[in-house]
Amino acid sequence: MAYRILADENIERATVTYLRKLGHDVEWIRDVSELGVGSSDTAIASYATAGNRLILTQDDDFFTEMDLSQSPGVLFQKDQTLAAREVGDIVHEMSEYLDQKDVTLEYVSSNWL
């Protein structure tokens, strides 16, 4: 099952492209006219909630400074050394086991299970 994702500005374009190739509906903050680089976490969470999109980010503020119950869910890429393909494969595998509505906070790492 495919996820609807809003990729934060710190996510590589290659990751966004690869996730799209895997069938996921991905918007990248850098391409969203209502957001763009430097958007506040609150604005990002509001946009993601309105569009029913999980937030894919490397920014831990989404769960350390915000109430996760006020967001549609966060995919946190903790390991910033992962290649775009690895991130895409991990997120794609998650989507095979976890329905989007069941995601609150998931760590995107090579040992996510």
C-alpha atoms as a PDB file:
ATOM      1  CA  MET A   1       0.000   0.000   0.000  1.00  0.00           C
ATOM      2  CA  ALA A   2       1.376   3.409  -0.921  1.00  0.00           C
ATOM      3  CA  TYR A   3       1.879   6.254   1.529  1.00  0.00           C
ATOM      4  CA  ARG A   4       0.990   9.899   1.033  1.00  0.00           C
ATOM      5  CA  ILE A   5       4.133  11.728   2.151  1.00  0.00           C
ATOM      6  CA  LEU A   6       5.281  15.295   2.666  1.00  0.00           C
ATOM      7  CA  ALA A   7       9.090  15.259   2.498  1.00  0.00           C
ATOM      8  CA  ASP A   8      10.794  17.925   4.588  1.00  0.00           C
ATOM      9  CA  GLU A   9      13.416  20.224   3.051  1.00  0.00           C
ATOM     10  CA  ASN A  10      16.226  18.116   4.533  1.00  0.00           C
ATOM     11  CA  ILE A  11      15.208  15.034   2.538  1.00  0.00           C
ATOM     12  CA  GLU A  12      17.208  14.526  -0.650  1.00  0.00           C
ATOM     13  CA  ARG A  13      15.509  15.005  -4.017  1.00  0.00           C
ATOM     14  CA  ALA A  14      16.783  11.537  -4.973  1.00  0.00           C
ATOM     15  CA  THR A  15      14.822  10.046  -2.065  1.00  0.00           C
ATOM     16  CA  VAL A  16      11.655  11.849  -3.185  1.00  0.00           C
ATOM     17  CA  THR A  17      12.148  10.653  -6.766  1.00  0.00           C
ATOM     18  CA  TYR A  18      12.789   7.066  -5.702  1.00  0.00           C
ATOM     19  CA  LEU A  19       9.741   6.957  -3.421  1.00  0.00           C
ATOM     20  CA  ARG A  20       7.624   8.195  -6.326  1.00  0.00           C
ATOM     21  CA  LYS A  21       9.023   5.419  -8.522  1.00  0.00           C
ATOM     22  CA  LEU A  22       7.954   2.945  -5.843  1.00  0.00           C
ATOM     23  CA  GLY A  23       4.394   4.263  -6.147  1.00  0.00           C
ATOM     24  CA  HIS A  24       4.185   6.626  -3.187  1.00  0.00           C
ATOM     25  CA  ASP A  25       2.447  10.002  -3.499  1.00  0.00           C
ATOM     26  CA  VAL A  26       5.217  12.364  -2.390  1.00  0.00           C
ATOM     27  CA  GLU A  27       5.238  16.142  -2.184  1.00  0.00           C
ATOM     28  CA  TRP A  28       8.527  17.848  -1.356  1.00  0.00           C
ATOM     29  CA  ILE A  29       8.411  21.034   0.700  1.00  0.00           C
ATOM     30  CA  ARG A  30      10.808  22.720  -1.735  1.00  0.00           C
ATOM     31  CA  ASP A  31       8.173  22.280  -4.484  1.00  0.00           C
ATOM     32  CA  VAL A  32       5.092  23.277  -2.459  1.00  0.00           C
ATOM     33  CA  SER A  33       4.312  26.960  -3.053  1.00  0.00           C
ATOM     34  CA  GLU A  34       2.461  27.272   0.281  1.00  0.00           C
ATOM     35  CA  LEU A  35       5.553  26.092   2.171  1.00  0.00           C
ATOM     36  CA  GLY A  36       9.084  26.182   0.784  1.00  0.00           C
ATOM     37  CA  VAL A  37      12.467  26.197   2.497  1.00  0.00           C
ATOM     38  CA  GLY A  38      12.409  27.620   6.016  1.00  0.00           C
ATOM     39  CA  SER A  39       8.745  26.889   6.715  1.00  0.00           C
ATOM     40  CA  SER A  40       7.882  26.494  10.368  1.00  0.00           C
ATOM     41  CA  ASP A  41       7.240  23.037  11.748  1.00  0.00           C
ATOM     42  CA  THR A  42       3.726  24.151  12.647  1.00  0.00           C
ATOM     43  CA  ALA A  43       3.009  25.187   9.046  1.00  0.00           C
ATOM     44  CA  ILE A  44       4.441  21.906   7.763  1.00  0.00           C
ATOM     45  CA  ALA A  45       2.361  19.859  10.207  1.00  0.00           C
ATOM     46  CA  SER A  46      -0.791  21.811   9.298  1.00  0.00           C
ATOM     47  CA  TYR A  47      -0.227  21.305   5.572  1.00  0.00           C
ATOM     48  CA  ALA A  48       0.502  17.586   6.076  1.00  0.00           C
ATOM     49  CA  THR A  49      -2.594  17.152   8.219  1.00  0.00           C
ATOM     50  CA  ALA A  50      -4.825  18.924   5.697  1.00  0.00           C
ATOM     51  CA  GLY A  51      -3.470  16.718   2.897  1.00  0.00           C
ATOM     52  CA  ASN A  52      -3.408  13.515   4.978  1.00  0.00           C
ATOM     53  CA  ARG A  53       0.334  13.117   4.449  1.00  0.00           C
ATOM     54  CA  LEU A  54       2.960  11.564   6.671  1.00  0.00           C
ATOM     55  CA  ILE A  55       5.912  13.870   7.303  1.00  0.00           C
ATOM     56  CA  LEU A  56       9.262  12.388   6.234  1.00  0.00           C
ATOM     57  CA  THR A  57      11.993  14.346   7.996  1.00  0.00           C
ATOM     58  CA  GLN A  58      15.433  14.338   9.607  1.00  0.00           C
ATOM     59  CA  ASP A  59      14.243  17.004  12.061  1.00  0.00           C
ATOM     60  CA  ASP A  60      13.425  15.624  15.509  1.00  0.00           C
ATOM     61  CA  ASP A  61      11.459  18.780  16.408  1.00  0.00           C
ATOM     62  CA  PHE A  62       8.382  17.101  14.965  1.00  0.00           C
ATOM     63  CA  PHE A  63       8.231  14.790  17.954  1.00  0.00           C
ATOM     64  CA  THR A  64      10.305  16.541  20.641  1.00  0.00           C
ATOM     65  CA  GLU A  65       8.638  19.951  20.415  1.00  0.00           C
ATOM     66  CA  MET A  66       5.256  19.150  18.874  1.00  0.00           C
ATOM     67  CA  ASP A  67       2.308  17.061  19.964  1.00  0.00           C
ATOM     68  CA  LEU A  68       2.313  14.012  17.687  1.00  0.00           C
ATOM     69  CA  SER A  69      -1.433  13.688  18.098  1.00  0.00           C
ATOM     70  CA  GLN A  70      -1.704  16.964  16.176  1.00  0.00           C
ATOM     71  CA  SER A  71       0.062  15.579  13.096  1.00  0.00           C
ATOM     72  CA  PRO A  72      -0.806  12.867  10.594  1.00  0.00           C
ATOM     73  CA  GLY A  73       2.319  10.898  11.551  1.00  0.00           C
ATOM     74  CA  VAL A  74       6.098  11.221  11.268  1.00  0.00           C
ATOM     75  CA  LEU A  75       8.662   9.096   9.497  1.00  0.00           C
ATOM     76  CA  PHE A  76      11.935  10.150  11.127  1.00  0.00           C
ATOM     77  CA  GLN A  77      15.129   9.451   9.177  1.00  0.00           C
ATOM     78  CA  LYS A  78      17.477   9.218  12.133  1.00  0.00           C
ATOM     79  CA  ASP A  79      20.432   7.801  10.198  1.00  0.00           C
ATOM     80  CA  GLN A  80      21.519  10.559   7.831  1.00  0.00           C
ATOM     81  CA  THR A  81      24.145   8.326   6.217  1.00  0.00           C
ATOM     82  CA  LEU A  82      21.494   6.233   4.455  1.00  0.00           C
ATOM     83  CA  ALA A  83      21.451   6.533   0.670  1.00  0.00           C
ATOM     84  CA  ALA A  84      18.281   7.704  -1.062  1.00  0.00           C
ATOM     85  CA  ARG A  85      17.552   4.182  -2.269  1.00  0.00           C
ATOM     86  CA  GLU A  86      17.938   2.773   1.255  1.00  0.00           C
ATOM     87  CA  VAL A  87      15.516   5.348   2.686  1.00  0.00           C
ATOM     88  CA  GLY A  88      13.040   4.623  -0.090  1.00  0.00           C
ATOM     89  CA  ASP A  89      13.289   0.870   0.391  1.00  0.00           C
ATOM     90  CA  ILE A  90      12.804   1.189   4.155  1.00  0.00           C
ATOM     91  CA  VAL A  91       9.758   3.462   3.816  1.00  0.00           C
ATOM     92  CA  HIS A  92       8.334   1.192   1.135  1.00  0.00           C
ATOM     93  CA  GLU A  93       8.790  -1.874   3.355  1.00  0.00           C
ATOM     94  CA  MET A  94       7.096  -0.034   6.227  1.00  0.00           C
ATOM     95  CA  SER A  95       4.130   0.645   3.957  1.00  0.00           C
ATOM     96  CA  GLU A  96       3.742  -3.089   3.379  1.00  0.00           C
ATOM     97  CA  TYR A  97       3.338  -3.728   7.112  1.00  0.00           C
ATOM     98  CA  LEU A  98       1.885  -0.508   8.540  1.00  0.00           C
ATOM     99  CA  ASP A  99      -1.202   1.246   7.259  1.00  0.00           C
ATOM    100  CA  GLN A 100      -0.644   4.982   6.994  1.00  0.00           C
ATOM    101  CA  LYS A 101      -3.361   5.707   9.564  1.00  0.00           C
ATOM    102  CA  ASP A 102      -1.455   3.586  12.113  1.00  0.00           C
ATOM    103  CA  VAL A 103       1.796   5.575  11.849  1.00  0.00           C
ATOM    104  CA  THR A 104       2.430   7.983  14.706  1.00  0.00           C
ATOM    105  CA  LEU A 105       6.237   7.948  14.797  1.00  0.00           C
ATOM    106  CA  GLU A 106       8.420   5.463  12.957  1.00  0.00           C
ATOM    107  CA  TYR A 107      12.194   5.565  12.767  1.00  0.00           C
ATOM    108  CA  VAL A 108      13.503   5.162   9.222  1.00  0.00           C
ATOM    109  CA  SER A 109      16.617   3.093   9.848  1.00  0.00           C
ATOM    110  CA  SER A 110      18.098  -0.095   8.484  1.00  0.00           C
ATOM    111  CA  ASN A 111      16.734  -1.992  11.495  1.00  0.00           C
ATOM    112  CA  TRP A 112      13.307  -0.373  11.716  1.00  0.00           C
ATOM    113  CA  LEU A 113      11.587  -3.624  12.714  1.00  0.00           C
END
